[in-house]
């Protein structure tokens, strides 16, 4: 399966693409709040479930200066699925 296209929608509530989020980060967004302010991603009626993707994406960029090919979702604090 390869990397997802940059047009992947990260925030479904507000229809914000990965490309839009990456542009906001390149333009200076350095915190999740900066991303929210610039794109409206992460503040939808779902309560911001996309933040689990936004955080790792931003963190990777701030550490390396590059965006990851694929986003590893942060599932910290998420309840495990019941079988």
N, C-alpha and C. Protein backbone atom coordinates (compact mmCIF):
# COMPACT_ATOMS: atom_id res chain seq x y z
N UNK A 1 0.84 -1.18 0.00
CA UNK A 1 0.00 0.00 0.00
C UNK A 1 0.88 1.23 0.00
N UNK A 2 1.26 2.08 -0.43
CA UNK A 2 2.19 3.19 -0.36
C UNK A 2 1.67 4.36 0.44
N UNK A 3 2.36 5.43 0.33
CA UNK A 3 1.98 6.64 1.04
C UNK A 3 0.66 7.20 0.50
N UNK A 4 -0.07 7.81 1.38
CA UNK A 4 -1.35 8.40 0.96
C UNK A 4 -1.07 9.72 0.24
N UNK A 5 -1.93 10.08 -0.69
CA UNK A 5 -1.71 11.33 -1.41
C UNK A 5 -1.84 12.54 -0.49
N UNK A 6 -1.21 13.63 -0.87
CA UNK A 6 -1.24 14.85 -0.07
C UNK A 6 -2.64 15.44 0.02
N UNK A 7 -3.55 14.97 -0.83
CA UNK A 7 -4.91 15.48 -0.79
C UNK A 7 -5.76 14.73 0.24
N UNK A 8 -5.12 13.79 0.95
CA UNK A 8 -5.82 13.05 2.01
C UNK A 8 -6.49 14.04 2.97
N UNK A 9 -7.75 13.80 3.28
CA UNK A 9 -8.46 14.66 4.23
C UNK A 9 -8.11 14.22 5.65
N UNK A 10 -7.50 15.11 6.40
CA UNK A 10 -7.12 14.82 7.78
C UNK A 10 -8.27 15.17 8.71
N UNK A 11 -8.85 16.35 8.53
CA UNK A 11 -9.97 16.79 9.36
C UNK A 11 -11.25 16.65 8.55
N UNK A 12 -12.00 15.59 8.84
CA UNK A 12 -13.22 15.34 8.07
C UNK A 12 -14.33 16.34 8.40
N UNK A 13 -14.40 16.77 9.64
CA UNK A 13 -15.48 17.70 10.03
C UNK A 13 -15.40 19.01 9.24
N UNK A 14 -14.19 19.51 9.07
CA UNK A 14 -14.02 20.79 8.39
C UNK A 14 -13.39 20.64 7.01
N UNK A 15 -13.28 19.39 6.52
CA UNK A 15 -12.78 19.09 5.19
C UNK A 15 -11.42 19.74 4.90
N UNK A 16 -10.47 19.51 5.82
CA UNK A 16 -9.14 20.09 5.69
C UNK A 16 -8.17 18.99 5.25
N UNK A 17 -7.48 19.25 4.14
CA UNK A 17 -6.56 18.25 3.58
C UNK A 17 -5.19 18.30 4.25
N UNK A 18 -4.46 17.21 4.07
CA UNK A 18 -3.09 17.15 4.56
C UNK A 18 -2.26 18.27 3.91
N UNK A 19 -2.48 18.53 2.63
CA UNK A 19 -1.74 19.58 1.92
C UNK A 19 -1.95 20.94 2.60
N UNK A 20 -3.17 21.26 2.96
CA UNK A 20 -3.48 22.53 3.62
C UNK A 20 -2.79 22.62 4.98
N UNK A 21 -2.80 21.52 5.71
CA UNK A 21 -2.16 21.49 7.02
C UNK A 21 -0.65 21.64 6.88
N UNK A 22 -0.06 20.93 5.93
CA UNK A 22 1.38 21.05 5.71
C UNK A 22 1.76 22.47 5.30
N UNK A 23 0.94 23.11 4.49
CA UNK A 23 1.22 24.50 4.10
C UNK A 23 1.18 25.42 5.32
N UNK A 24 0.23 25.20 6.22
CA UNK A 24 0.15 26.03 7.43
C UNK A 24 1.40 25.85 8.29
N UNK A 25 1.87 24.61 8.38
CA UNK A 25 3.08 24.34 9.17
C UNK A 25 4.29 25.00 8.51
N UNK A 26 4.40 24.86 7.20
CA UNK A 26 5.51 25.52 6.48
C UNK A 26 5.45 27.03 6.63
N UNK A 27 4.23 27.57 6.75
CA UNK A 27 4.06 29.02 6.89
C UNK A 27 4.25 29.50 8.32
N UNK A 28 4.61 28.58 9.24
CA UNK A 28 4.96 29.02 10.58
C UNK A 28 4.16 28.44 11.73
N UNK A 29 3.14 27.64 11.46
CA UNK A 29 2.38 27.03 12.56
C UNK A 29 3.31 26.09 13.32
N UNK A 30 3.48 26.33 14.62
CA UNK A 30 4.40 25.51 15.41
C UNK A 30 3.72 24.80 16.57
N UNK A 31 2.42 25.02 16.72
CA UNK A 31 1.66 24.34 17.77
C UNK A 31 0.34 23.86 17.16
N UNK A 32 -0.33 22.97 17.87
CA UNK A 32 -1.64 22.53 17.39
C UNK A 32 -2.60 23.71 17.31
N UNK A 33 -2.53 24.62 18.27
CA UNK A 33 -3.41 25.80 18.23
C UNK A 33 -3.13 26.65 16.99
N UNK A 34 -1.86 26.77 16.60
CA UNK A 34 -1.54 27.51 15.37
C UNK A 34 -2.19 26.85 14.17
N UNK A 35 -2.15 25.51 14.12
CA UNK A 35 -2.77 24.78 13.01
C UNK A 35 -4.27 25.01 13.02
N UNK A 36 -4.88 24.94 14.20
CA UNK A 36 -6.33 25.15 14.31
C UNK A 36 -6.69 26.54 13.81
N UNK A 37 -5.92 27.55 14.23
CA UNK A 37 -6.20 28.93 13.84
C UNK A 37 -6.05 29.13 12.33
N UNK A 38 -5.04 28.51 11.74
CA UNK A 38 -4.75 28.71 10.32
C UNK A 38 -5.67 27.92 9.40
N UNK A 39 -6.17 26.75 9.88
CA UNK A 39 -6.88 25.86 8.96
C UNK A 39 -8.26 25.43 9.43
N UNK A 40 -8.59 25.59 10.67
CA UNK A 40 -9.80 25.11 11.34
C UNK A 40 -9.77 23.60 11.58
N UNK A 41 -8.66 22.94 11.27
CA UNK A 41 -8.53 21.51 11.53
C UNK A 41 -8.43 21.27 13.03
N UNK A 42 -9.14 20.27 13.50
CA UNK A 42 -9.03 19.87 14.91
C UNK A 42 -10.05 20.50 15.82
N UNK A 43 -10.95 21.30 15.29
CA UNK A 43 -11.93 21.96 16.15
C UNK A 43 -13.36 21.70 15.67
N UNK A 44 -13.57 20.55 15.06
CA UNK A 44 -14.89 20.23 14.53
C UNK A 44 -15.81 19.65 15.59
N UNK A 45 -17.03 19.36 15.21
CA UNK A 45 -18.03 18.82 16.14
C UNK A 45 -17.66 17.45 16.72
N UNK A 46 -16.69 16.76 16.11
CA UNK A 46 -16.30 15.44 16.64
C UNK A 46 -15.46 15.59 17.89
N UNK A 47 -15.00 16.80 18.18
CA UNK A 47 -14.16 17.02 19.36
C UNK A 47 -12.68 16.97 19.04
N UNK A 48 -12.35 16.95 17.77
CA UNK A 48 -10.93 17.02 17.39
C UNK A 48 -10.25 15.67 17.29
N UNK A 49 -10.93 14.66 16.80
CA UNK A 49 -10.30 13.34 16.70
C UNK A 49 -9.09 13.36 15.76
N UNK A 50 -9.03 14.30 14.83
CA UNK A 50 -7.89 14.35 13.91
C UNK A 50 -6.62 14.84 14.60
N UNK A 51 -6.73 15.34 15.81
CA UNK A 51 -5.54 15.78 16.54
C UNK A 51 -4.56 14.63 16.73
N UNK A 52 -5.06 13.39 16.73
CA UNK A 52 -4.17 12.23 16.86
C UNK A 52 -3.26 12.09 15.65
N UNK A 53 -3.64 12.71 14.53
CA UNK A 53 -2.77 12.74 13.35
C UNK A 53 -1.99 14.05 13.27
N UNK A 54 -2.63 15.13 13.66
CA UNK A 54 -1.98 16.44 13.58
C UNK A 54 -0.73 16.51 14.45
N UNK A 55 -0.84 15.99 15.67
CA UNK A 55 0.29 16.04 16.61
C UNK A 55 1.53 15.37 16.06
N UNK A 56 1.44 14.09 15.65
CA UNK A 56 2.62 13.42 15.11
C UNK A 56 3.16 14.07 13.82
N UNK A 57 2.28 14.57 12.98
CA UNK A 57 2.70 15.24 11.75
C UNK A 57 3.53 16.48 12.10
N UNK A 58 3.01 17.31 12.99
CA UNK A 58 3.71 18.52 13.41
C UNK A 58 5.03 18.18 14.11
N UNK A 59 4.99 17.23 15.02
CA UNK A 59 6.19 16.86 15.77
C UNK A 59 7.30 16.37 14.84
N UNK A 60 6.94 15.54 13.88
CA UNK A 60 7.94 15.03 12.92
C UNK A 60 8.56 16.18 12.14
N UNK A 61 7.73 17.10 11.68
CA UNK A 61 8.25 18.24 10.90
C UNK A 61 9.17 19.12 11.75
N UNK A 62 8.76 19.39 12.99
CA UNK A 62 9.58 20.25 13.85
C UNK A 62 10.93 19.61 14.17
N UNK A 63 10.96 18.28 14.25
CA UNK A 63 12.22 17.57 14.55
C UNK A 63 13.12 17.43 13.33
N UNK A 64 12.52 17.20 12.16
CA UNK A 64 13.32 16.84 10.98
C UNK A 64 13.30 17.87 9.86
N UNK A 65 12.33 18.77 9.87
CA UNK A 65 12.20 19.73 8.77
C UNK A 65 11.53 19.13 7.55
N UNK A 66 11.01 17.90 7.70
CA UNK A 66 10.33 17.23 6.60
C UNK A 66 9.06 16.59 7.12
N UNK A 67 8.12 16.35 6.22
CA UNK A 67 6.89 15.67 6.60
C UNK A 67 7.06 14.17 6.37
N UNK A 68 6.49 13.35 7.24
CA UNK A 68 6.59 11.90 7.05
C UNK A 68 5.78 11.46 5.84
N UNK A 69 6.19 10.36 5.23
CA UNK A 69 5.43 9.80 4.12
C UNK A 69 4.04 9.39 4.59
N UNK A 70 4.01 8.72 5.73
CA UNK A 70 2.73 8.31 6.32
C UNK A 70 2.67 8.84 7.74
N UNK A 71 1.49 9.13 8.19
CA UNK A 71 1.30 9.66 9.54
C UNK A 71 0.98 8.50 10.48
N UNK A 72 1.76 8.38 11.54
CA UNK A 72 1.49 7.38 12.56
C UNK A 72 0.59 8.02 13.59
N UNK A 73 -0.63 7.57 13.66
CA UNK A 73 -1.62 8.15 14.56
C UNK A 73 -1.25 7.91 16.01
N UNK A 74 -1.35 8.93 16.84
CA UNK A 74 -1.09 8.83 18.27
C UNK A 74 -2.34 8.29 18.95
N UNK A 75 -2.28 7.07 19.42
CA UNK A 75 -3.43 6.44 20.07
C UNK A 75 -3.31 6.46 21.58
N UNK A 76 -2.39 7.24 22.11
CA UNK A 76 -2.24 7.37 23.56
C UNK A 76 -3.55 7.84 24.17
N UNK A 77 -4.00 7.14 25.16
CA UNK A 77 -5.23 7.53 25.85
C UNK A 77 -6.49 7.02 25.20
N UNK A 78 -6.38 6.40 24.05
CA UNK A 78 -7.57 5.86 23.38
C UNK A 78 -7.86 4.46 23.93
N UNK A 79 -9.11 4.21 24.22
CA UNK A 79 -9.48 2.93 24.77
C UNK A 79 -9.30 1.84 23.71
N UNK A 80 -8.78 0.68 24.12
CA UNK A 80 -8.65 -0.42 23.14
C UNK A 80 -10.00 -0.91 22.69
N UNK A 81 -10.06 -1.41 21.47
CA UNK A 81 -11.31 -1.95 20.94
C UNK A 81 -11.64 -3.23 21.70
N UNK A 82 -12.92 -3.41 21.97
CA UNK A 82 -13.37 -4.64 22.62
C UNK A 82 -13.62 -5.70 21.56
N UNK A 83 -13.22 -6.91 21.86
CA UNK A 83 -13.43 -8.01 20.90
C UNK A 83 -14.83 -8.54 20.97
